[in-house]
Amino acid sequence: MSKPLTSYTCKLTDAQAAALKALLQERNYKFRDVPYARFAGEKECEARAAELTNQIFGELPAIRRVLQTDVTAAYQGDPAARSVEEIIVAYPCVLVISLQRLAHVMYKLQVPLLPRMLTEYAHERTGCDIHPGAQIGTHFFIDHCTGVVVGETARIGDHVKIYQGVTLGAKSFVIDDNGHPVKGVKRHPQLGDGVIVYPGATILGGDTIIGDNSIVGSNVWLMQSMPPNSIAYYQGESASLIRPRKKKEALLEEFSDWVI
């Protein structure tokens, strides 16, 4: 029988924290002896690294708490899951989301290189590419995981579930007078709370907002916003169609082939 998720919570004691700090300092001094890393001995760089490290450590309990909601979402959202332990050790979405959440903290602190290295490691391992800049709410679940792309300025609400092959991308880039892409512009869509996006759907544009509790069906191509409680689906050779979501329409029985 699977243990309650809260039983996995642990606290870092003062003694453990002191031991960890001492170990990091020891490793740092050894690192400074490496010829190609001499730049790390600069006082300003060293002080800034220590400051950022302390800030990141301070965020770890919050990251752990939100990751618990992600594991809960996976367990409740996948009938094939047999235990919480199975999800933690075997589901690729846990690796992807946990590394992205850690990378996002570093991204907000403007740590260079490391955020992207973390998410690209997850990308290499799972085929799921989530930029460290993407903002993701609680209870996030990516079923099957492979082929998902989430851009830097995407915003994802709470209790969102997406399937394999989903893209939250950009329509095009804003170019400056010299022909270079303008950095930091909102380019990617926003998913509200309770949204479900089925396999192969592509949602593009920084001004595209998918309203709360809406559903985007398989292979839908969207470059326009959807109101809350609505459904977009692909029908034959027609464009993607959007209609209000019917009352209690959660299982989508008429579109059951979406679910794997």
C-alpha atoms as a PDB file:
ATOM      1  CA  MET A   1       0.000   0.000   0.000  1.00  0.00           C
ATOM      2  CA  SER A   2       1.331   3.412  -0.963  1.00  0.00           C
ATOM      3  CA  LYS A   3       2.264   5.754   1.875  1.00  0.00           C
ATOM      4  CA  PRO A   4       0.570   9.163   2.146  1.00  0.00           C
ATOM      5  CA  LEU A   5       2.403  11.740   0.090  1.00  0.00           C
ATOM      6  CA  THR A   6       2.976  13.928   3.151  1.00  0.00           C
ATOM      7  CA  SER A   7       5.089  11.172   4.692  1.00  0.00           C
ATOM      8  CA  TYR A   8       7.821  11.966   2.184  1.00  0.00           C
ATOM      9  CA  THR A   9       8.313  15.471   3.622  1.00  0.00           C
ATOM     10  CA  CYS A  10      11.562  15.940   5.530  1.00  0.00           C
ATOM     11  CA  LYS A  11      13.177  18.846   7.340  1.00  0.00           C
ATOM     12  CA  LEU A  12      16.790  19.915   7.133  1.00  0.00           C
ATOM     13  CA  THR A  13      18.133  20.160  10.682  1.00  0.00           C
ATOM     14  CA  ASP A  14      20.599  22.859  11.721  1.00  0.00           C
ATOM     15  CA  ALA A  15      23.348  20.252  11.994  1.00  0.00           C
ATOM     16  CA  GLN A  16      22.598  18.902   8.518  1.00  0.00           C
ATOM     17  CA  ALA A  17      22.514  22.421   7.079  1.00  0.00           C
ATOM     18  CA  ALA A  18      25.878  23.243   8.684  1.00  0.00           C
ATOM     19  CA  ALA A  19      27.399  20.010   7.366  1.00  0.00           C
ATOM     20  CA  LEU A  20      26.071  20.719   3.869  1.00  0.00           C
ATOM     21  CA  LYS A  21      27.461  24.261   3.934  1.00  0.00           C
ATOM     22  CA  ALA A  22      30.875  22.983   5.038  1.00  0.00           C
ATOM     23  CA  LEU A  23      30.881  20.387   2.271  1.00  0.00           C
ATOM     24  CA  LEU A  24      30.005  22.983  -0.366  1.00  0.00           C
ATOM     25  CA  GLN A  25      32.735  25.295   0.875  1.00  0.00           C
ATOM     26  CA  GLU A  26      35.260  22.445   0.737  1.00  0.00           C
ATOM     27  CA  ARG A  27      34.195  21.547  -2.810  1.00  0.00           C
ATOM     28  CA  ASN A  28      34.367  25.210  -3.807  1.00  0.00           C
ATOM     29  CA  TYR A  29      37.981  25.545  -2.633  1.00  0.00           C
ATOM     30  CA  LYS A  30      38.930  22.369  -4.514  1.00  0.00           C
ATOM     31  CA  PHE A  31      37.195  23.726  -7.610  1.00  0.00           C
ATOM     32  CA  ARG A  32      39.221  26.926  -7.403  1.00  0.00           C
ATOM     33  CA  ASP A  33      42.416  24.885  -7.714  1.00  0.00           C
ATOM     34  CA  VAL A  34      41.399  23.751 -11.200  1.00  0.00           C
ATOM     35  CA  PRO A  35      43.295  25.922 -13.739  1.00  0.00           C
ATOM     36  CA  TYR A  36      40.351  26.625 -16.025  1.00  0.00           C
ATOM     37  CA  ALA A  37      38.181  27.665 -13.070  1.00  0.00           C
ATOM     38  CA  ARG A  38      40.480  30.316 -11.604  1.00  0.00           C
ATOM     39  CA  PHE A  39      37.909  32.991 -12.476  1.00  0.00           C
ATOM     40  CA  ALA A  40      35.695  31.537  -9.725  1.00  0.00           C
ATOM     41  CA  GLY A  41      38.096  32.917  -7.138  1.00  0.00           C
ATOM     42  CA  GLU A  42      37.131  36.507  -7.914  1.00  0.00           C
ATOM     43  CA  LYS A  43      35.740  38.065  -4.736  1.00  0.00           C
ATOM     44  CA  GLU A  44      32.632  39.582  -6.335  1.00  0.00           C
ATOM     45  CA  CYS A  45      31.818  36.403  -8.240  1.00  0.00           C
ATOM     46  CA  GLU A  46      32.344  34.255  -5.156  1.00  0.00           C
ATOM     47  CA  ALA A  47      30.149  36.476  -2.978  1.00  0.00           C
ATOM     48  CA  ARG A  48      27.400  36.586  -5.588  1.00  0.00           C
ATOM     49  CA  ALA A  49      27.514  32.791  -5.983  1.00  0.00           C
ATOM     50  CA  ALA A  50      27.191  32.328  -2.223  1.00  0.00           C
ATOM     51  CA  GLU A  51      24.257  34.749  -2.092  1.00  0.00           C
ATOM     52  CA  LEU A  52      22.427  32.995  -4.921  1.00  0.00           C
ATOM     53  CA  THR A  53      23.103  29.566  -3.433  1.00  0.00           C
ATOM     54  CA  ASN A  54      21.566  30.611  -0.123  1.00  0.00           C
ATOM     55  CA  GLN A  55      18.507  32.017  -1.898  1.00  0.00           C
ATOM     56  CA  ILE A  56      18.036  28.827  -3.909  1.00  0.00           C
ATOM     57  CA  PHE A  57      18.379  26.665  -0.793  1.00  0.00           C
ATOM     58  CA  GLY A  58      15.747  28.844   0.837  1.00  0.00           C
ATOM     59  CA  GLU A  59      13.304  28.019  -1.965  1.00  0.00           C
ATOM     60  CA  LEU A  60      13.736  24.232  -1.762  1.00  0.00           C
ATOM     61  CA  PRO A  61      10.942  23.629   0.801  1.00  0.00           C
ATOM     62  CA  ALA A  62       8.463  25.548  -1.382  1.00  0.00           C
ATOM     63  CA  ILE A  63       9.578  23.620  -4.467  1.00  0.00           C
ATOM     64  CA  ARG A  64       9.103  20.350  -2.602  1.00  0.00           C
ATOM     65  CA  ARG A  65       5.603  21.327  -1.506  1.00  0.00           C
ATOM     66  CA  VAL A  66       4.483  22.195  -5.026  1.00  0.00           C
ATOM     67  CA  LEU A  67       6.092  19.021  -6.416  1.00  0.00           C
ATOM     68  CA  GLN A  68       3.931  17.048  -4.019  1.00  0.00           C
ATOM     69  CA  THR A  69       0.889  18.535  -5.757  1.00  0.00           C
ATOM     70  CA  ASP A  70       2.320  17.473  -9.134  1.00  0.00           C
ATOM     71  CA  VAL A  71       2.734  13.883  -7.934  1.00  0.00           C
ATOM     72  CA  THR A  72      -0.812  13.947  -6.555  1.00  0.00           C
ATOM     73  CA  ALA A  73      -2.106  15.200  -9.911  1.00  0.00           C
ATOM     74  CA  ALA A  74      -0.307  12.380 -11.728  1.00  0.00           C
ATOM     75  CA  TYR A  75      -1.644   9.735  -9.354  1.00  0.00           C
ATOM     76  CA  GLN A  76      -5.202  11.042  -9.569  1.00  0.00           C
ATOM     77  CA  GLY A  77      -4.996  11.703 -13.300  1.00  0.00           C
ATOM     78  CA  ASP A  78      -3.629   8.371 -14.509  1.00  0.00           C
ATOM     79  CA  PRO A  79      -5.699   5.220 -13.889  1.00  0.00           C
ATOM     80  CA  ALA A  80      -2.630   3.130 -14.752  1.00  0.00           C
ATOM     81  CA  ALA A  81      -0.704   4.469 -11.751  1.00  0.00           C
ATOM     82  CA  ARG A  82      -0.491   1.888  -8.982  1.00  0.00           C
ATOM     83  CA  SER A  83       1.293   3.912  -6.299  1.00  0.00           C
ATOM     84  CA  VAL A  84       2.836   7.251  -5.460  1.00  0.00           C
ATOM     85  CA  GLU A  85       6.243   5.550  -5.379  1.00  0.00           C
ATOM     86  CA  GLU A  86       5.795   4.406  -8.970  1.00  0.00           C
ATOM     87  CA  ILE A  87       5.119   7.971 -10.086  1.00  0.00           C
ATOM     88  CA  ILE A  88       8.091   9.428  -8.211  1.00  0.00           C
ATOM     89  CA  VAL A  89      10.667   6.941  -9.498  1.00  0.00           C
ATOM     90  CA  ALA A  90       9.304   6.045 -12.939  1.00  0.00           C
ATOM     91  CA  TYR A  91       7.222   8.831 -14.471  1.00  0.00           C
ATOM     92  CA  PRO A  92       9.200  11.099 -16.844  1.00  0.00           C
ATOM     93  CA  CYS A  93       6.958  14.068 -16.078  1.00  0.00           C
ATOM     94  CA  VAL A  94       8.259  14.110 -12.489  1.00  0.00           C
ATOM     95  CA  LEU A  95      11.836  14.508 -13.719  1.00  0.00           C
ATOM     96  CA  VAL A  96      10.849  17.197 -16.211  1.00  0.00           C
ATOM     97  CA  ILE A  97       8.652  19.228 -13.876  1.00  0.00           C
ATOM     98  CA  SER A  98      10.939  18.991 -10.845  1.00  0.00           C
ATOM     99  CA  LEU A  99      13.980  20.165 -12.787  1.00  0.00           C
ATOM    100  CA  GLN A 100      11.964  22.928 -14.463  1.00  0.00           C
ATOM    101  CA  ARG A 101      10.672  24.198 -11.130  1.00  0.00           C
ATOM    102  CA  LEU A 102      14.209  24.337  -9.740  1.00  0.00           C
ATOM    103  CA  ALA A 103      15.473  25.935 -12.955  1.00  0.00           C
ATOM    104  CA  HIS A 104      12.663  28.506 -12.803  1.00  0.00           C
ATOM    105  CA  VAL A 105      13.853  29.683  -9.384  1.00  0.00           C
ATOM    106  CA  MET A 106      17.363  30.093 -10.818  1.00  0.00           C
ATOM    107  CA  TYR A 107      15.931  31.820 -13.904  1.00  0.00           C
ATOM    108  CA  LYS A 108      14.146  34.414 -11.759  1.00  0.00           C
ATOM    109  CA  LEU A 109      17.382  35.007  -9.843  1.00  0.00           C
ATOM    110  CA  GLN A 110      19.164  35.539 -13.184  1.00  0.00           C
ATOM    111  CA  VAL A 111      21.570  32.668 -12.640  1.00  0.00           C
ATOM    112  CA  PRO A 112      23.434  32.179 -15.945  1.00  0.00           C
ATOM    113  CA  LEU A 113      23.565  28.891 -17.873  1.00  0.00           C
ATOM    114  CA  LEU A 114      22.472  26.500 -15.114  1.00  0.00           C
ATOM    115  CA  PRO A 115      18.690  26.902 -15.581  1.00  0.00           C
ATOM    116  CA  ARG A 116      18.892  25.999 -19.254  1.00  0.00           C
ATOM    117  CA  MET A 117      21.350  23.184 -18.573  1.00  0.00           C
ATOM    118  CA  LEU A 118      18.883  21.612 -16.139  1.00  0.00           C
ATOM    119  CA  THR A 119      15.902  21.781 -18.476  1.00  0.00           C
ATOM    120  CA  GLU A 120      17.934  20.588 -21.456  1.00  0.00           C
ATOM    121  CA  TYR A 121      19.066  17.584 -19.416  1.00  0.00           C
ATOM    122  CA  ALA A 122      15.394  16.765 -18.833  1.00  0.00           C
ATOM    123  CA  HIS A 123      14.728  17.420 -22.522  1.00  0.00           C
ATOM    124  CA  GLU A 124      17.454  14.973 -23.518  1.00  0.00           C
ATOM    125  CA  ARG A 125      16.199  12.306 -21.116  1.00  0.00           C
ATOM    126  CA  THR A 126      12.461  12.560 -21.854  1.00  0.00           C
ATOM    127  CA  GLY A 127      11.876  14.421 -25.108  1.00  0.00           C
ATOM    128  CA  CYS A 128       9.900  17.052 -23.186  1.00  0.00           C
ATOM    129  CA  ASP A 129      11.161  20.631 -23.582  1.00  0.00           C
ATOM    130  CA  ILE A 130       9.969  23.164 -20.983  1.00  0.00           C
ATOM    131  CA  HIS A 131      11.846  26.452 -20.832  1.00  0.00           C
ATOM    132  CA  PRO A 132      12.998  27.563 -17.360  1.00  0.00           C
ATOM    133  CA  GLY A 133      11.124  30.840 -17.815  1.00  0.00           C
ATOM    134  CA  ALA A 134       7.687  29.207 -18.112  1.00  0.00           C
ATOM    135  CA  GLN A 135       5.440  29.924 -15.124  1.00  0.00           C
ATOM    136  CA  ILE A 136       3.588  26.815 -13.946  1.00  0.00           C
ATOM    137  CA  GLY A 137       0.934  26.522 -11.234  1.00  0.00           C
ATOM    138  CA  THR A 138       0.261  23.668  -8.828  1.00  0.00           C
ATOM    139  CA  HIS A 139      -1.033  20.151  -9.648  1.00  0.00           C
ATOM    140  CA  PHE A 140       0.574  20.043 -13.098  1.00  0.00           C
ATOM    141  CA  PHE A 141       0.541  16.718 -14.975  1.00  0.00           C
ATOM    142  CA  ILE A 142       2.019  15.830 -18.372  1.00  0.00           C
ATOM    143  CA  ASP A 143       0.695  12.429 -19.405  1.00  0.00           C
ATOM    144  CA  HIS A 144       3.130  10.371 -21.514  1.00  0.00           C
ATOM    145  CA  CYS A 145       5.361  13.470 -21.658  1.00  0.00           C
ATOM    146  CA  THR A 146       7.197  12.917 -24.961  1.00  0.00           C
ATOM    147  CA  GLY A 147       7.159  15.675 -27.572  1.00  0.00           C
ATOM    148  CA  VAL A 148       5.809  18.455 -25.357  1.00  0.00           C
ATOM    149  CA  VAL A 149       7.204  21.957 -25.939  1.00  0.00           C
ATOM    150  CA  VAL A 150       6.485  24.875 -23.587  1.00  0.00           C
ATOM    151  CA  GLY A 151       8.038  28.228 -24.425  1.00  0.00           C
ATOM    152  CA  GLU A 152       9.765  30.746 -22.197  1.00  0.00           C
ATOM    153  CA  THR A 153       6.860  33.143 -21.660  1.00  0.00           C
ATOM    154  CA  ALA A 154       4.097  30.546 -21.361  1.00  0.00           C
ATOM    155  CA  ARG A 155       1.819  30.778 -18.307  1.00  0.00           C
ATOM    156  CA  ILE A 156       0.115  27.642 -16.965  1.00  0.00           C
ATOM    157  CA  GLY A 157      -2.497  27.772 -14.200  1.00  0.00           C
ATOM    158  CA  ASP A 158      -3.342  25.304 -11.437  1.00  0.00           C
ATOM    159  CA  HIS A 159      -4.692  21.792 -12.052  1.00  0.00           C
ATOM    160  CA  VAL A 160      -3.676  21.728 -15.716  1.00  0.00           C
ATOM    161  CA  LYS A 161      -3.201  18.462 -17.591  1.00  0.00           C
ATOM    162  CA  ILE A 162      -1.562  18.128 -20.989  1.00  0.00           C
ATOM    163  CA  TYR A 163      -0.766  15.108 -23.123  1.00  0.00           C
ATOM    164  CA  GLN A 164       2.097  14.131 -25.407  1.00  0.00           C
ATOM    165  CA  GLY A 165       2.945  16.193 -28.463  1.00  0.00           C
ATOM    166  CA  VAL A 166       1.448  19.461 -27.182  1.00  0.00           C
ATOM    167  CA  THR A 167       3.121  22.733 -28.181  1.00  0.00           C
ATOM    168  CA  LEU A 168       2.700  26.045 -26.383  1.00  0.00           C
ATOM    169  CA  GLY A 169       4.655  28.126 -28.850  1.00  0.00           C
ATOM    170  CA  ALA A 170       5.124  31.516 -30.475  1.00  0.00           C
ATOM    171  CA  LYS A 171       3.522  32.832 -33.659  1.00  0.00           C
ATOM    172  CA  SER A 172       6.548  34.863 -34.701  1.00  0.00           C
ATOM    173  CA  PHE A 173       9.320  36.966 -33.221  1.00  0.00           C
ATOM    174  CA  VAL A 174       9.360  40.728 -32.747  1.00  0.00           C
ATOM    175  CA  ILE A 175      12.403  42.050 -34.623  1.00  0.00           C
ATOM    176  CA  ASP A 176      14.365  45.203 -33.797  1.00  0.00           C
ATOM    177  CA  ASP A 177      15.745  47.689 -36.348  1.00  0.00           C
ATOM    178  CA  ASN A 178      18.832  45.533 -36.826  1.00  0.00           C
ATOM    179  CA  GLY A 179      16.832  42.399 -37.569  1.00  0.00           C
ATOM    180  CA  HIS A 180      17.503  40.741 -34.207  1.00  0.00           C
ATOM    181  CA  PRO A 181      14.763  39.113 -32.092  1.00  0.00           C
ATOM    182  CA  VAL A 182      13.604  41.314 -29.203  1.00  0.00           C
ATOM    183  CA  LYS A 183      14.155  39.473 -25.908  1.00  0.00           C
ATOM    184  CA  GLY A 184      11.617  39.287 -23.093  1.00  0.00           C
ATOM    185  CA  VAL A 185       8.477  39.878 -25.167  1.00  0.00           C
ATOM    186  CA  LYS A 186       5.411  37.796 -24.261  1.00  0.00           C
ATOM    187  CA  ARG A 187       5.346  35.253 -27.104  1.00  0.00           C
ATOM    188  CA  HIS A 188       3.658  32.167 -25.721  1.00  0.00           C
ATOM    189  CA  PRO A 189       0.084  31.366 -24.652  1.00  0.00           C
ATOM    190  CA  GLN A 190      -1.562  31.256 -21.259  1.00  0.00           C
ATOM    191  CA  LEU A 191      -3.571  28.304 -19.935  1.00  0.00           C
ATOM    192  CA  GLY A 192      -6.085  29.011 -17.186  1.00  0.00           C
ATOM    193  CA  ASP A 193      -6.876  26.804 -14.207  1.00  0.00           C
ATOM    194  CA  GLY A 194      -8.320  23.362 -14.881  1.00  0.00           C
ATOM    195  CA  VAL A 195      -7.428  23.315 -18.592  1.00  0.00           C
ATOM    196  CA  ILE A 196      -6.893  19.999 -20.415  1.00  0.00           C
ATOM    197  CA  VAL A 197      -4.935  19.856 -23.685  1.00  0.00           C
ATOM    198  CA  TYR A 198      -5.039  16.584 -25.607  1.00  0.00           C
ATOM    199  CA  PRO A 199      -2.311  15.017 -27.813  1.00  0.00           C
ATOM    200  CA  GLY A 200      -0.887  16.874 -30.764  1.00  0.00           C
ATOM    201  CA  ALA A 201      -2.564  20.218 -30.047  1.00  0.00           C
ATOM    202  CA  THR A 202      -0.665  23.386 -30.982  1.00  0.00           C
ATOM    203  CA  ILE A 203      -1.464  26.659 -29.213  1.00  0.00           C
ATOM    204  CA  LEU A 204       0.442  29.730 -30.381  1.00  0.00           C
ATOM    205  CA  GLY A 205       0.829  33.383 -29.492  1.00  0.00           C
ATOM    206  CA  GLY A 206       1.496  35.593 -26.525  1.00  0.00           C
ATOM    207  CA  ASP A 207      -2.004  37.060 -26.633  1.00  0.00           C
ATOM    208  CA  THR A 208      -3.708  33.640 -26.780  1.00  0.00           C
ATOM    209  CA  ILE A 209      -5.503  32.820 -23.532  1.00  0.00           C
ATOM    210  CA  ILE A 210      -7.283  29.532 -22.872  1.00  0.00           C
ATOM    211  CA  GLY A 211      -9.948  30.230 -20.269  1.00  0.00           C
ATOM    212  CA  ASP A 212     -10.405  28.299 -17.043  1.00  0.00           C
ATOM    213  CA  ASN A 213     -11.819  24.751 -17.249  1.00  0.00           C
ATOM    214  CA  SER A 214     -11.599  24.639 -21.036  1.00  0.00           C
ATOM    215  CA  ILE A 215     -10.589  21.655 -23.180  1.00  0.00           C
ATOM    216  CA  VAL A 216      -8.417  21.651 -26.301  1.00  0.00           C
ATOM    217  CA  GLY A 217      -8.834  18.503 -28.372  1.00  0.00           C
ATOM    218  CA  SER A 218      -6.296  16.438 -30.276  1.00  0.00           C
ATOM    219  CA  ASN A 219      -4.541  17.991 -33.287  1.00  0.00           C
ATOM    220  CA  VAL A 220      -6.215  21.361 -32.766  1.00  0.00           C
ATOM    221  CA  TRP A 221      -4.327  24.380 -34.093  1.00  0.00           C
ATOM    222  CA  LEU A 222      -5.142  27.513 -32.082  1.00  0.00           C
ATOM    223  CA  MET A 223      -3.997  31.100 -32.500  1.00  0.00           C
ATOM    224  CA  GLN A 224      -6.997  32.683 -30.805  1.00  0.00           C
ATOM    225  CA  SER A 225      -8.245  32.850 -27.241  1.00  0.00           C
ATOM    226  CA  MET A 226     -10.959  30.631 -25.797  1.00  0.00           C
ATOM    227  CA  PRO A 227     -13.499  31.749 -23.171  1.00  0.00           C
ATOM    228  CA  PRO A 228     -13.734  29.818 -19.897  1.00  0.00           C
ATOM    229  CA  ASN A 229     -15.674  26.534 -19.916  1.00  0.00           C
ATOM    230  CA  SER A 230     -15.354  25.940 -23.653  1.00  0.00           C
ATOM    231  CA  ILE A 231     -14.112  23.204 -25.978  1.00  0.00           C
ATOM    232  CA  ALA A 232     -12.005  23.406 -29.141  1.00  0.00           C
ATOM    233  CA  TYR A 233     -11.912  20.398 -31.436  1.00  0.00           C
ATOM    234  CA  TYR A 234     -10.865  19.417 -34.935  1.00  0.00           C
ATOM    235  CA  GLN A 235     -13.578  18.198 -37.283  1.00  0.00           C
ATOM    236  CA  GLY A 236     -12.687  16.725 -40.647  1.00  0.00           C
ATOM    237  CA  GLU A 237     -11.216  19.287 -43.014  1.00  0.00           C
ATOM    238  CA  SER A 238     -12.706  22.178 -41.059  1.00  0.00           C
ATOM    239  CA  ALA A 239     -10.722  24.574 -38.982  1.00  0.00           C
ATOM    240  CA  SER A 240     -10.611  24.138 -35.224  1.00  0.00           C
ATOM    241  CA  LEU A 241     -14.075  24.723 -33.791  1.00  0.00           C
ATOM    242  CA  ILE A 242     -14.821  26.298 -30.427  1.00  0.00           C
ATOM    243  CA  ARG A 243     -18.093  25.831 -28.569  1.00  0.00           C
ATOM    244  CA  PRO A 244     -19.267  26.147 -24.958  1.00  0.00           C
ATOM    245  CA  ARG A 245     -18.499  23.214 -22.726  1.00  0.00           C
ATOM    246  CA  LYS A 246     -21.668  21.380 -21.730  1.00  0.00           C
ATOM    247  CA  LYS A 247     -22.607  21.000 -18.083  1.00  0.00           C
ATOM    248  CA  LYS A 248     -20.689  18.160 -16.417  1.00  0.00           C
ATOM    249  CA  GLU A 249     -18.906  17.454 -19.694  1.00  0.00           C
ATOM    250  CA  ALA A 250     -15.679  16.186 -18.197  1.00  0.00           C
ATOM    251  CA  LEU A 251     -15.034  12.781 -19.726  1.00  0.00           C
ATOM    252  CA  LEU A 252     -15.755  13.876 -23.283  1.00  0.00           C
ATOM    253  CA  GLU A 253     -17.465  10.615 -24.196  1.00  0.00           C
ATOM    254  CA  GLU A 254     -18.057  11.731 -27.781  1.00  0.00           C
ATOM    255  CA  PHE A 255     -14.298  12.324 -28.125  1.00  0.00           C
ATOM    256  CA  SER A 256     -13.121   9.341 -26.098  1.00  0.00           C
ATOM    257  CA  ASP A 257     -10.471   8.480 -28.677  1.00  0.00           C
ATOM    258  CA  TRP A 258      -8.444  11.411 -27.391  1.00  0.00           C
ATOM    259  CA  VAL A 259      -7.578   9.557 -24.205  1.00  0.00           C
ATOM    260  CA  ILE A 260      -4.813   6.961 -24.183  1.00  0.00           C
END
